[in-house]
Amino acid sequence: MKLDSFKRPNAALLPLLASAFIVSVYNQAFWKSFSSATGGLTLAAFPVQAGMFLMLVLTFTASLATLNFRFSIKPVLIGLFLVTSLASYFMNHYGVAIDWSMVQNIAETDSRESTELFNVGMAFSFLMTGVVPAAIIAWLKPRFQPVRRQLGVNFATAGIAVVGAGILLMLMFKILAPALREHRELRFLLTPTNYIQAVNGYFKRKWSVPVVIAPLGKDATKGVLWRGNTRRTVTVVVVGETARAANFSLNGYSRLTNPELSQVPDLVNFKNMQSCGTATGISLPCLFSPLGRENYSASRAQSQEGLLDVLQHAGFKLLWRDNNSGCKSVCDRIPYEDVSQPIAGDPFCNNEECFDERLLRGLPQQIRDGTGDMVIVLHQKGSHGPAYSKRYPQQFSVFGPVCNTIELGKCTRQSIVDAYDNTIRYTDHVLKQAIDLLAQAARDDGVDTALMYFSDHGESLGENNFYLHGAPYVISPPEQRAVPFMLWLSAGFRERFKIDQRCLAARVDQPFSHDNLFHSTLGMLNVSTAVYNPRLDIFNACRHAP
């Protein structure tokens, strides 16, 4: 009777039991890395590690519940157990992580090389953790409900599992977010999701059509306001990182995080700017494209030129200086300088990284020696977390005591905010230094200069237990979307391009977004092209007739 009861379990239990088996038996490499990332095997770390285990079990349960029907669940589980057993063995014994390139290596390795990987140990592991569990599944005769009722049971199971996983995520977000962000290798260690995504990535690349970059704005020329002017222009575009508008005192924040910029005459600070995305990989290519947030996709952005190409077509000299992790293909066709690598003895670097002032090193000389009209993009390290305290020199540690670890769960929320506010205070200094050198170039070198600053996205600092960024846009908190945007123009620049400073100042409370940046940059520089949309140009309403 007991054997028959075991052989004929309630089918509703299969997704949960299989998920628990997968998470516990096949993921030794993941748990080893996750344990290290969350403080090791200690009593203090146990709640989050146990919570992660339960959250993964519930997440996998929700997925398997959608397939829990009489003629589908057993083949799915048998296949999962067999393949995941092999994947687990290779990760545990060869120390490999599984991504699309690993799948490519497997697919393109000849049979002789492949046989070298097979041994008695692997065969025994495959038998015990793959064949035996798969055989048990094949032997079972689960008791299913009629199709319509089973559908309801599956839907309820998946729903409860998703809600439970969501609750656990919210409870543990403060600890999990920095751990997962700083240890991105974890996603390549969690099986079976790693090899499923890897196989998908491999075939997408194998079958993809090579990207052909479509030209954009080839008709671009300098407009009528350039006629008769012999002075050069230099426009510096500073792309901030993870700066949220809410923590700028220029926007009403109670702390003085902008002591230097608040003293800059004619600085225009727009207080209501929304980002295109909540992560650099989306926002950066989006804001430099004409697509706008509603029409943006990575494939569309990568298959056509962007703002910098249009400016280059119009005759500007372009330069991208980077103190971050690259330009996400935005600057692929213009000169590029990486200033992020530490150099011994450099006052703007430590042993791990460089501070953003390094972006300004040698810039006055480049402006002085440059030929033609220049547009220079400076890509900051900015306020990127969770290691906020590493983003600024010690003399800018004004607020504190600060959180000095990436394990945010060990810090009070106030210490996290203190460290973050110091990053904004340092950005304030960097921007003031940039404006000063542009003002000097205008005064001493006869160059018409301008600076535009905006951030790619914002950051959560514990509001509703959210931390960091990257939340799906539709459910993202406002702190991850509201970003700073400010503008400084030399007197010569305003006069050349007929820009009314008072008109701009009157628009600082109006709602704008990253959608405006492509067209506003073209409008600010009076670039004539068919891809320019005056309705999205912030300067269009504030320009005097020539």
Protein backbone atom coordinates (compact mmCIF):
# COMPACT_ATOMS: atom_id res chain seq x y z
CA MET A 1 0.00 0.00 0.00
CA LYS A 2 2.81 2.37 0.90
CA LEU A 3 4.70 1.56 -2.31
CA ASP A 4 1.55 2.15 -4.36
CA SER A 5 0.99 5.44 -2.56
CA PHE A 6 4.57 6.48 -3.36
CA LYS A 7 4.20 5.37 -6.96
CA ARG A 8 0.99 7.34 -7.43
CA PRO A 9 1.59 10.73 -5.83
CA ASN A 10 -0.67 13.71 -6.29
CA ALA A 11 0.53 15.33 -9.49
CA ALA A 12 0.29 18.78 -7.89
CA LEU A 13 3.35 17.92 -5.76
CA LEU A 14 5.64 17.12 -8.70
CA PRO A 15 6.74 20.70 -9.54
CA LEU A 16 7.58 21.49 -5.91
CA LEU A 17 9.46 18.23 -5.24
CA ALA A 18 11.36 18.37 -8.53
CA SER A 19 12.31 22.01 -7.92
CA ALA A 20 13.63 21.26 -4.44
CA PHE A 21 15.68 18.38 -5.87
CA ILE A 22 17.11 20.54 -8.68
CA VAL A 23 18.03 23.46 -6.42
CA SER A 24 19.66 21.29 -3.74
CA VAL A 25 21.36 18.48 -5.71
CA TYR A 26 22.52 20.15 -8.95
CA ASN A 27 23.69 23.53 -7.70
CA GLN A 28 26.74 22.91 -5.55
CA ALA A 29 28.82 25.44 -7.51
CA PHE A 30 26.11 28.08 -7.15
CA TRP A 31 25.70 27.58 -3.40
CA LYS A 32 29.44 27.66 -2.82
CA SER A 33 29.72 31.02 -4.61
CA PHE A 34 26.50 32.42 -3.11
CA SER A 35 27.58 31.45 0.38
CA SER A 36 30.85 33.29 -0.07
CA ALA A 37 29.05 36.35 -1.48
CA THR A 38 26.74 36.57 1.55
CA GLY A 39 29.23 36.16 4.37
CA GLY A 40 30.02 32.43 4.42
CA LEU A 41 28.47 29.60 6.36
CA THR A 42 27.61 31.58 9.48
CA LEU A 43 24.56 31.79 11.66
CA ALA A 44 24.08 35.43 10.66
CA ALA A 45 24.06 34.56 6.95
CA PHE A 46 21.81 31.52 7.30
CA PRO A 47 18.45 33.37 7.01
CA VAL A 48 19.30 34.94 3.65
CA GLN A 49 20.81 31.71 2.32
CA ALA A 50 17.77 29.72 3.41
CA GLY A 51 15.53 32.41 1.99
CA MET A 52 17.37 32.25 -1.34
CA PHE A 53 16.93 28.48 -1.40
CA LEU A 54 13.20 28.79 -0.81
CA MET A 55 12.86 31.61 -3.36
CA LEU A 56 14.60 29.56 -6.06
CA VAL A 57 12.46 26.51 -5.26
CA LEU A 58 9.31 28.60 -5.57
CA THR A 59 10.51 30.24 -8.81
CA PHE A 60 11.28 26.88 -10.42
CA THR A 61 7.98 25.50 -9.08
CA ALA A 62 6.07 28.27 -10.82
CA SER A 63 7.78 27.46 -14.13
CA LEU A 64 7.27 23.69 -13.90
CA ALA A 65 3.65 24.09 -12.79
CA THR A 66 2.80 25.56 -16.20
CA LEU A 67 3.92 22.24 -17.76
CA ASN A 68 2.34 19.92 -15.21
CA PHE A 69 0.04 17.86 -17.43
CA ARG A 70 -0.26 14.13 -17.95
CA PHE A 71 1.70 13.88 -21.22
CA SER A 72 4.24 16.69 -20.66
CA ILE A 73 5.61 16.83 -17.14
CA LYS A 74 7.37 13.45 -17.08
CA PRO A 75 9.34 13.97 -20.35
CA VAL A 76 10.27 17.47 -19.18
CA LEU A 77 11.55 16.28 -15.79
CA ILE A 78 13.41 13.30 -17.26
CA GLY A 79 15.16 15.54 -19.76
CA LEU A 80 15.95 18.13 -17.07
CA PHE A 81 17.43 15.58 -14.69
CA LEU A 82 19.62 13.96 -17.36
CA VAL A 83 20.99 17.17 -18.87
CA THR A 84 21.29 19.07 -15.59
CA SER A 85 23.20 16.17 -14.08
CA LEU A 86 25.87 16.53 -16.76
CA ALA A 87 25.95 20.32 -16.50
CA SER A 88 26.33 20.09 -12.73
CA TYR A 89 29.18 17.60 -13.00
CA PHE A 90 31.20 19.78 -15.38
CA MET A 91 30.68 22.89 -13.23
CA ASN A 92 31.65 21.10 -10.02
CA HIS A 93 34.64 19.18 -11.35
CA TYR A 94 36.10 21.52 -13.99
CA GLY A 95 35.26 24.83 -12.36
CA VAL A 96 33.47 26.14 -15.46
CA ALA A 97 30.57 28.55 -15.68
CA ILE A 98 28.07 28.00 -18.45
CA ASP A 99 27.37 30.78 -20.94
CA TRP A 100 26.79 30.88 -24.69
CA SER A 101 30.51 30.69 -25.45
CA MET A 102 30.77 27.48 -23.42
CA VAL A 103 27.94 26.01 -25.48
CA GLN A 104 29.84 27.06 -28.60
CA ASN A 105 32.94 25.27 -27.34
CA ILE A 106 30.92 22.10 -26.79
CA ALA A 107 29.14 22.32 -30.14
CA GLU A 108 32.35 22.95 -32.08
CA THR A 109 34.60 20.44 -30.29
CA ASP A 110 35.34 17.36 -32.39
CA SER A 111 34.43 13.88 -31.14
CA ARG A 112 38.01 12.93 -30.26
CA GLU A 113 38.42 15.97 -28.00
CA SER A 114 35.01 15.33 -26.46
CA THR A 115 35.88 11.79 -25.39
CA GLU A 116 38.74 13.15 -23.30
CA LEU A 117 36.20 14.73 -20.97
CA PHE A 118 34.39 11.48 -20.22
CA ASN A 119 35.62 9.31 -17.36
CA VAL A 120 34.44 6.84 -14.76
CA GLY A 121 33.69 9.57 -12.24
CA MET A 122 31.46 11.40 -14.65
CA ALA A 123 29.66 8.18 -15.60
CA PHE A 124 29.00 7.37 -11.93
CA SER A 125 27.76 10.90 -11.21
CA PHE A 126 25.51 10.80 -14.27
CA LEU A 127 24.10 7.44 -13.15
CA MET A 128 23.38 8.53 -9.58
CA THR A 129 22.17 12.11 -10.12
CA GLY A 130 20.77 11.78 -13.62
CA VAL A 131 19.70 8.28 -14.62
CA VAL A 132 18.34 7.17 -11.24
CA PRO A 133 16.16 10.25 -10.64
CA ALA A 134 14.99 10.12 -14.28
CA ALA A 135 14.12 6.43 -13.86
CA ILE A 136 12.12 7.20 -10.73
CA ILE A 137 10.14 9.84 -12.63
CA ALA A 138 9.51 7.35 -15.44
CA TRP A 139 8.31 4.77 -12.90
CA LEU A 140 5.90 7.12 -11.15
CA LYS A 141 2.25 7.25 -12.15
CA PRO A 142 1.07 10.61 -10.79
CA ARG A 143 -2.63 11.17 -10.18
CA PHE A 144 -3.82 13.99 -12.45
CA GLN A 145 -7.14 15.82 -12.38
CA PRO A 146 -9.29 16.17 -15.48
CA VAL A 147 -7.68 18.65 -17.88
CA ARG A 148 -9.73 21.73 -16.93
CA ARG A 149 -9.38 21.11 -13.21
CA GLN A 150 -5.67 20.36 -13.61
CA LEU A 151 -5.28 23.63 -15.45
CA GLY A 152 -6.80 25.44 -12.47
CA VAL A 153 -4.54 23.58 -10.04
CA ASN A 154 -1.47 24.45 -12.12
CA PHE A 155 -2.47 28.10 -12.36
CA ALA A 156 -3.05 28.31 -8.59
CA THR A 157 0.27 26.59 -7.86
CA ALA A 158 2.19 28.91 -10.15
CA GLY A 159 0.43 31.97 -8.72
CA ILE A 160 1.10 31.06 -5.10
CA ALA A 161 4.73 30.26 -5.92
CA VAL A 162 5.24 33.58 -7.71
CA VAL A 163 3.69 35.57 -4.85
CA GLY A 164 5.78 33.69 -2.30
CA ALA A 165 8.99 34.25 -4.27
CA GLY A 166 8.11 37.93 -4.66
CA ILE A 167 7.58 38.39 -0.93
CA LEU A 168 10.90 36.73 -0.16
CA LEU A 169 12.64 38.93 -2.74
CA MET A 170 11.27 42.08 -1.15
CA LEU A 171 12.26 40.94 2.34
CA MET A 172 15.82 40.10 1.28
CA PHE A 173 16.36 42.73 -1.42
CA LYS A 174 18.76 44.86 0.62
CA ILE A 175 21.16 41.94 0.95
CA LEU A 176 20.53 40.17 -2.34
CA ALA A 177 20.78 43.18 -4.67
CA PRO A 178 24.43 44.09 -3.97
CA ALA A 179 25.49 40.43 -3.70
CA LEU A 180 24.00 39.57 -7.11
CA ARG A 181 25.28 42.78 -8.72
CA GLU A 182 28.84 42.35 -7.49
CA HIS A 183 28.90 38.60 -8.20
CA ARG A 184 27.47 38.41 -11.68
CA GLU A 185 29.04 34.99 -12.15
CA LEU A 186 26.18 33.57 -10.05
CA ARG A 187 23.81 33.66 -13.00
CA PHE A 188 26.19 31.41 -14.93
CA LEU A 189 26.29 28.94 -12.05
CA LEU A 190 22.58 28.50 -11.36
CA THR A 191 21.39 25.46 -13.26
CA PRO A 192 19.29 24.65 -15.28
CA THR A 193 18.62 28.31 -16.11
CA ASN A 194 22.27 28.86 -17.07
CA TYR A 195 22.45 26.29 -19.83
CA ILE A 196 18.93 27.05 -21.07
CA GLN A 197 19.89 30.70 -21.52
CA ALA A 198 23.30 29.73 -22.90
CA VAL A 199 21.84 27.45 -25.57
CA ASN A 200 19.38 30.16 -26.53
CA GLY A 201 22.20 32.72 -26.72
CA TYR A 202 24.36 30.42 -28.81
CA PHE A 203 21.67 29.78 -31.43
CA LYS A 204 20.66 33.43 -31.52
CA ARG A 205 24.23 34.32 -32.39
CA LYS A 206 24.68 31.38 -34.77
CA TRP A 207 21.55 32.12 -36.74
CA SER A 208 21.58 35.89 -36.46
CA VAL A 209 22.08 38.00 -39.53
CA PRO A 210 25.22 40.15 -39.28
CA VAL A 211 24.31 43.64 -38.15
CA VAL A 212 24.52 46.19 -40.93
CA ILE A 213 24.75 49.70 -39.51
CA ALA A 214 22.27 51.91 -41.32
CA PRO A 215 23.47 55.49 -41.85
CA LEU A 216 21.65 58.25 -40.01
CA GLY A 217 21.68 61.95 -40.74
CA LYS A 218 24.09 61.77 -43.68
CA ASP A 219 22.53 65.05 -44.82
CA ALA A 220 23.61 66.81 -41.61
CA THR A 221 25.21 70.23 -42.07
CA LYS A 222 25.87 73.23 -39.89
CA GLY A 223 22.93 75.62 -40.13
CA VAL A 224 22.62 79.31 -40.89
CA LEU A 225 23.78 80.43 -37.44
CA TRP A 226 27.28 79.22 -38.26
CA ARG A 227 27.70 81.62 -41.15
CA GLY A 228 30.22 84.39 -40.63
CA ASN A 229 31.58 82.96 -37.34
CA THR A 230 35.28 82.26 -37.13
CA ARG A 231 35.47 81.29 -33.43
CA ARG A 232 35.68 77.58 -32.69
CA THR A 233 33.13 75.82 -30.50
CA VAL A 234 33.70 73.12 -27.89
CA THR A 235 30.73 71.30 -26.37
CA VAL A 236 31.32 68.93 -23.46
CA VAL A 237 28.63 66.36 -22.76
CA VAL A 238 29.01 64.75 -19.33
CA VAL A 239 27.16 61.45 -19.00
CA GLY A 240 26.59 60.81 -15.32
CA GLU A 241 26.25 57.36 -13.79
CA THR A 242 23.53 56.37 -11.31
CA ALA A 243 22.88 59.96 -10.21
CA ARG A 244 19.33 60.50 -9.03
CA ALA A 245 17.75 63.94 -9.13
CA ALA A 246 16.27 63.61 -5.64
CA ASN A 247 19.69 63.94 -3.96
CA PHE A 248 20.78 67.14 -5.71
CA SER A 249 20.38 70.19 -3.49
CA LEU A 250 19.81 72.15 -6.69
CA ASN A 251 16.53 70.24 -6.87
CA GLY A 252 15.55 70.98 -3.27
CA TYR A 253 17.31 68.18 -1.39
CA SER A 254 17.80 69.20 2.24
CA ARG A 255 21.52 68.39 2.29
CA LEU A 256 24.00 70.69 0.56
CA THR A 257 25.24 68.28 -2.11
CA ASN A 258 25.83 71.01 -4.72
CA PRO A 259 27.82 73.72 -2.92
CA GLU A 260 29.93 74.55 -5.98
CA LEU A 261 27.36 74.35 -8.77
CA SER A 262 24.96 76.48 -6.74
CA GLN A 263 27.46 79.34 -7.14
CA VAL A 264 27.76 79.07 -10.94
CA PRO A 265 26.13 82.00 -12.72
CA ASP A 266 23.80 81.13 -15.62
CA LEU A 267 23.68 77.41 -14.81
CA VAL A 268 20.31 76.06 -15.96
CA ASN A 269 19.13 73.10 -13.88
CA PHE A 270 16.13 71.21 -15.24
CA LYS A 271 14.29 69.57 -12.33
CA ASN A 272 11.95 67.17 -14.08
CA MET A 273 13.91 64.80 -16.34
CA GLN A 274 12.99 61.13 -16.83
CA SER A 275 15.42 58.46 -18.01
CA CYS A 276 14.91 56.09 -20.91
CA GLY A 277 15.74 53.05 -18.78
CA THR A 278 16.86 52.02 -15.32
CA ALA A 279 20.21 50.51 -16.37
CA THR A 280 23.15 51.82 -18.40
CA GLY A 281 22.86 49.08 -21.04
CA ILE A 282 19.45 50.45 -22.03
CA SER A 283 19.59 54.15 -21.22
CA LEU A 284 22.92 54.95 -22.83
CA PRO A 285 22.18 53.67 -26.36
CA CYS A 286 18.58 54.87 -26.05
CA LEU A 287 19.37 58.48 -25.22
CA PHE A 288 21.95 58.75 -28.02
CA SER A 289 19.43 57.43 -30.56
CA PRO A 290 16.42 59.16 -32.11
CA LEU A 291 14.12 56.23 -31.28
CA GLY A 292 12.78 57.43 -27.93
CA ARG A 293 11.80 55.17 -25.06
CA GLU A 294 8.56 53.90 -26.57
CA ASN A 295 10.21 52.77 -29.81
CA TYR A 296 13.56 51.70 -28.41
CA SER A 297 14.95 48.21 -28.75
CA ALA A 298 18.56 47.11 -28.49
CA SER A 299 18.51 45.56 -31.96
CA ARG A 300 17.12 48.72 -33.59
CA ALA A 301 19.62 50.96 -31.81
CA GLN A 302 22.56 48.74 -32.73
CA SER A 303 21.57 48.57 -36.37
CA GLN A 304 21.68 52.30 -37.04
CA GLU A 305 23.98 55.23 -36.37
CA GLY A 306 23.27 57.62 -33.51
CA LEU A 307 23.71 61.19 -32.37
CA LEU A 308 27.50 61.14 -32.42
CA ASP A 309 27.52 59.88 -35.99
CA VAL A 310 25.16 62.67 -37.05
CA LEU A 311 27.42 65.26 -35.45
CA GLN A 312 30.39 63.71 -37.21
CA HIS A 313 28.54 63.89 -40.55
CA ALA A 314 27.98 67.60 -39.83
CA GLY A 315 31.74 68.17 -39.53
CA PHE A 316 32.36 68.11 -35.76
CA LYS A 317 35.46 66.53 -34.24
CA LEU A 318 34.28 63.89 -31.76
CA LEU A 319 35.93 62.31 -28.73
CA TRP A 320 34.59 59.88 -26.10
CA ARG A 321 36.48 59.73 -22.78
CA ASP A 322 35.44 56.87 -20.51
CA ASN A 323 35.88 56.25 -16.80
CA ASN A 324 33.17 53.61 -16.76
CA SER A 325 32.70 50.24 -18.44
CA GLY A 326 32.50 51.39 -22.05
CA CYS A 327 30.00 53.18 -24.23
CA LYS A 328 27.65 50.27 -25.09
CA SER A 329 28.44 50.66 -28.83
CA VAL A 330 27.42 54.34 -28.84
CA CYS A 331 30.96 55.51 -29.62
CA ASP A 332 32.04 52.68 -31.93
CA ARG A 333 32.78 54.97 -34.86
CA ILE A 334 34.49 57.89 -33.11
CA PRO A 335 37.82 58.32 -31.26
CA TYR A 336 37.76 56.71 -27.81
CA GLU A 337 39.95 57.13 -24.71
CA ASP A 338 39.76 54.84 -21.68
CA VAL A 339 40.94 56.65 -18.55
CA SER A 340 39.60 54.09 -16.06
CA GLN A 341 42.75 52.02 -15.59
CA PRO A 342 44.78 52.97 -12.48
CA ILE A 343 48.33 54.24 -12.94
CA ALA A 344 50.77 54.17 -10.05
CA GLY A 345 51.33 57.61 -8.60
CA ASP A 346 48.30 59.19 -10.26
CA PRO A 347 46.57 61.36 -7.61
CA PHE A 348 43.20 60.67 -9.22
CA CYS A 349 43.51 56.88 -8.93
CA ASN A 350 43.75 54.29 -6.19
CA ASN A 351 44.77 50.65 -6.52
CA GLU A 352 41.39 49.62 -7.92
CA GLU A 353 40.00 52.45 -10.03
CA CYS A 354 40.23 56.12 -10.98
CA PHE A 355 38.12 59.03 -9.84
CA ASP A 356 36.16 61.14 -12.30
CA GLU A 357 38.51 64.13 -12.17
CA ARG A 358 40.80 62.05 -14.36
CA LEU A 359 38.34 62.69 -17.20
CA LEU A 360 39.45 66.33 -17.13
CA ARG A 361 43.20 65.68 -17.21
CA GLY A 362 44.77 67.24 -20.30
CA LEU A 363 41.41 68.54 -21.51
CA PRO A 364 42.41 72.24 -21.60
CA GLN A 365 45.40 71.36 -23.77
CA GLN A 366 43.26 69.21 -26.07
CA ILE A 367 40.82 72.09 -26.46
CA ARG A 368 43.63 74.57 -27.07
CA ASP A 369 45.40 72.39 -29.61
CA GLY A 370 42.26 71.13 -31.29
CA THR A 371 41.22 72.03 -34.78
CA GLY A 372 37.66 72.59 -35.83
CA ASP A 373 34.53 72.44 -33.70
CA MET A 374 34.60 69.75 -31.03
CA VAL A 375 32.08 67.65 -29.12
CA ILE A 376 33.66 65.77 -26.21
CA VAL A 377 31.74 63.18 -24.20
CA LEU A 378 32.89 62.40 -20.67
CA HIS A 379 31.43 59.17 -19.27
CA GLN A 380 31.60 59.17 -15.48
CA LYS A 381 31.94 56.43 -12.90
CA GLY A 382 29.69 58.72 -10.94
CA SER A 383 27.63 57.16 -8.16
CA HIS A 384 27.70 53.54 -9.24
CA GLY A 385 26.92 51.21 -6.35
CA PRO A 386 26.92 49.31 -4.17
CA ALA A 387 30.51 50.44 -3.39
CA TYR A 388 29.52 54.12 -3.19
CA SER A 389 32.36 54.93 -0.77
CA LYS A 390 34.93 54.05 -3.47
CA ARG A 391 33.60 56.60 -5.95
CA TYR A 392 35.13 59.73 -4.41
CA PRO A 393 38.43 60.90 -2.85
CA GLN A 394 38.57 60.95 0.94
CA GLN A 395 38.33 64.73 1.17
CA PHE A 396 34.78 64.52 -0.20
CA SER A 397 33.60 62.27 2.64
CA VAL A 398 31.47 65.08 4.06
CA PHE A 399 28.52 63.03 5.27
CA GLY A 400 28.93 60.02 7.49
CA PRO A 401 29.67 57.62 8.97
CA VAL A 402 29.39 55.86 5.60
CA CYS A 403 28.76 52.29 4.54
CA ASN A 404 32.17 50.93 3.50
CA THR A 405 31.10 47.52 2.22
CA ILE A 406 29.18 46.18 -0.74
CA GLU A 407 27.17 44.05 1.69
CA LEU A 408 24.43 46.61 2.21
CA GLY A 409 22.67 44.30 4.64
CA LYS A 410 25.44 45.05 7.13
CA CYS A 411 24.86 48.81 6.89
CA THR A 412 22.18 51.11 8.17
CA ARG A 413 20.14 52.84 5.50
CA GLN A 414 21.46 56.22 6.68
CA SER A 415 25.09 55.16 6.21
CA ILE A 416 24.26 54.03 2.66
CA VAL A 417 22.63 57.39 1.92
CA ASP A 418 25.63 59.19 3.46
CA ALA A 419 28.05 57.40 1.14
CA TYR A 420 25.79 58.04 -1.87
CA ASP A 421 25.45 61.76 -1.03
CA ASN A 422 29.23 62.04 -0.96
CA THR A 423 29.31 60.76 -4.56
CA ILE A 424 26.92 63.53 -5.58
CA ARG A 425 29.05 66.07 -3.74
CA TYR A 426 32.07 64.85 -5.71
CA THR A 427 30.16 64.99 -9.00
CA ASP A 428 29.29 68.57 -8.09
CA HIS A 429 33.02 69.32 -7.83
CA VAL A 430 33.90 67.56 -11.08
CA LEU A 431 31.22 69.45 -13.01
CA LYS A 432 32.33 72.77 -11.51
CA GLN A 433 35.92 72.01 -12.55
CA ALA A 434 34.73 71.23 -16.08
CA ILE A 435 32.75 74.46 -16.29
CA ASP A 436 35.72 76.45 -15.01
CA LEU A 437 38.07 75.08 -17.67
CA LEU A 438 35.48 75.75 -20.38
CA ALA A 439 34.98 79.30 -19.08
CA GLN A 440 38.75 79.79 -19.19
CA ALA A 441 38.91 78.45 -22.76
CA ALA A 442 36.20 80.91 -23.73
CA ARG A 443 38.05 83.76 -22.05
CA ASP A 444 41.65 82.98 -22.98
CA ASP A 445 41.45 80.95 -26.18
CA GLY A 446 38.53 82.58 -27.94
CA VAL A 447 36.40 79.42 -27.98
CA ASP A 448 32.61 79.35 -27.61
CA THR A 449 31.95 76.63 -25.03
CA ALA A 450 29.04 74.71 -23.54
CA LEU A 451 28.49 71.89 -21.05
CA MET A 452 25.51 69.55 -20.84
CA TYR A 453 25.15 67.09 -17.96
CA PHE A 454 22.64 64.33 -17.44
CA SER A 455 22.62 60.92 -15.79
CA ASP A 456 21.80 57.62 -17.46
CA HIS A 457 19.43 56.48 -14.69
CA GLY A 458 18.81 56.94 -10.99
CA GLU A 459 19.16 54.73 -7.92
CA SER A 460 17.10 53.29 -5.10
CA LEU A 461 18.49 53.82 -1.61
CA GLY A 462 16.10 51.78 0.49
CA GLU A 463 12.75 53.33 -0.39
CA ASN A 464 10.18 50.53 0.01
CA ASN A 465 13.21 48.24 0.58
CA PHE A 466 14.47 48.80 -3.00
CA TYR A 467 18.20 49.24 -3.52
CA LEU A 468 20.45 49.91 -6.53
CA HIS A 469 18.80 50.04 -9.98
CA GLY A 470 17.78 47.97 -12.97
CA ALA A 471 14.15 47.32 -12.05
CA PRO A 472 11.80 46.69 -15.00
CA TYR A 473 10.72 50.12 -16.20
CA VAL A 474 6.97 49.57 -15.82
CA ILE A 475 7.33 48.77 -12.12
CA SER A 476 10.47 50.77 -11.36
CA PRO A 477 10.34 53.26 -8.48
CA PRO A 478 10.60 56.94 -9.41
CA GLU A 479 14.02 57.22 -7.79
CA GLN A 480 15.44 54.99 -10.54
CA ARG A 481 13.91 57.13 -13.32
CA ALA A 482 14.20 60.76 -12.17
CA VAL A 483 17.63 62.03 -13.19
CA PRO A 484 19.51 65.36 -13.13
CA PHE A 485 19.89 67.47 -16.25
CA MET A 486 21.74 70.76 -16.36
CA LEU A 487 23.27 73.12 -18.87
CA TRP A 488 25.96 75.80 -18.90
CA LEU A 489 26.60 78.03 -21.93
CA SER A 490 29.30 80.63 -22.33
CA ALA A 491 28.15 84.09 -23.33
CA GLY A 492 29.72 83.66 -26.78
CA PHE A 493 27.92 80.34 -27.28
CA ARG A 494 24.54 81.86 -26.35
CA GLU A 495 25.12 84.78 -28.67
CA ARG A 496 26.26 82.63 -31.60
CA PHE A 497 23.25 80.32 -31.41
CA LYS A 498 20.71 82.98 -30.35
CA ILE A 499 19.72 81.12 -27.17
CA ASP A 500 17.62 83.07 -24.66
CA GLN A 501 18.95 82.26 -21.17
CA ARG A 502 15.85 83.63 -19.39
CA CYS A 503 13.59 81.54 -21.58
CA LEU A 504 15.51 78.38 -20.66
CA ALA A 505 15.38 79.31 -16.97
CA ALA A 506 11.62 79.63 -17.24
CA ARG A 507 11.36 76.01 -18.44
CA VAL A 508 13.29 74.30 -15.63
CA ASP A 509 10.16 72.85 -14.01
CA GLN A 510 8.65 71.49 -17.23
CA PRO A 511 8.71 67.70 -17.76
CA PHE A 512 11.41 66.43 -20.12
CA SER A 513 13.00 63.06 -20.77
CA HIS A 514 15.94 61.39 -22.45
CA ASP A 515 13.80 61.51 -25.60
CA ASN A 516 14.62 65.22 -25.80
CA LEU A 517 18.41 64.89 -25.70
CA PHE A 518 19.07 63.73 -29.29
CA HIS A 519 17.08 66.56 -30.84
CA SER A 520 18.07 69.20 -28.27
CA THR A 521 21.76 68.58 -28.90
CA LEU A 522 21.25 69.02 -32.65
CA GLY A 523 19.15 72.10 -32.03
CA MET A 524 21.61 73.61 -29.56
CA LEU A 525 24.39 73.25 -32.15
CA ASN A 526 22.18 74.38 -35.03
CA VAL A 527 22.65 71.18 -37.03
CA SER A 528 20.36 70.94 -40.02
CA THR A 529 19.20 67.39 -40.87
CA ALA A 530 16.01 65.56 -41.74
CA VAL A 531 16.26 63.41 -38.58
CA TYR A 532 15.94 66.49 -36.34
CA ASN A 533 12.53 66.93 -34.67
CA PRO A 534 12.03 70.52 -33.44
CA ARG A 535 9.12 69.48 -31.22
CA LEU A 536 11.54 67.52 -29.04
CA ASP A 537 14.18 70.26 -28.99
CA ILE A 538 14.23 72.04 -25.62
CA PHE A 539 16.04 75.03 -27.18
CA ASN A 540 13.68 75.52 -30.10
CA ALA A 541 11.24 77.69 -28.15
CA CYS A 542 14.09 79.72 -26.66
CA ARG A 543 15.92 80.77 -29.80
CA HIS A 544 15.86 84.33 -31.13
CA ALA A 545 15.31 84.79 -34.83
CA PRO A 546 18.70 85.17 -36.57
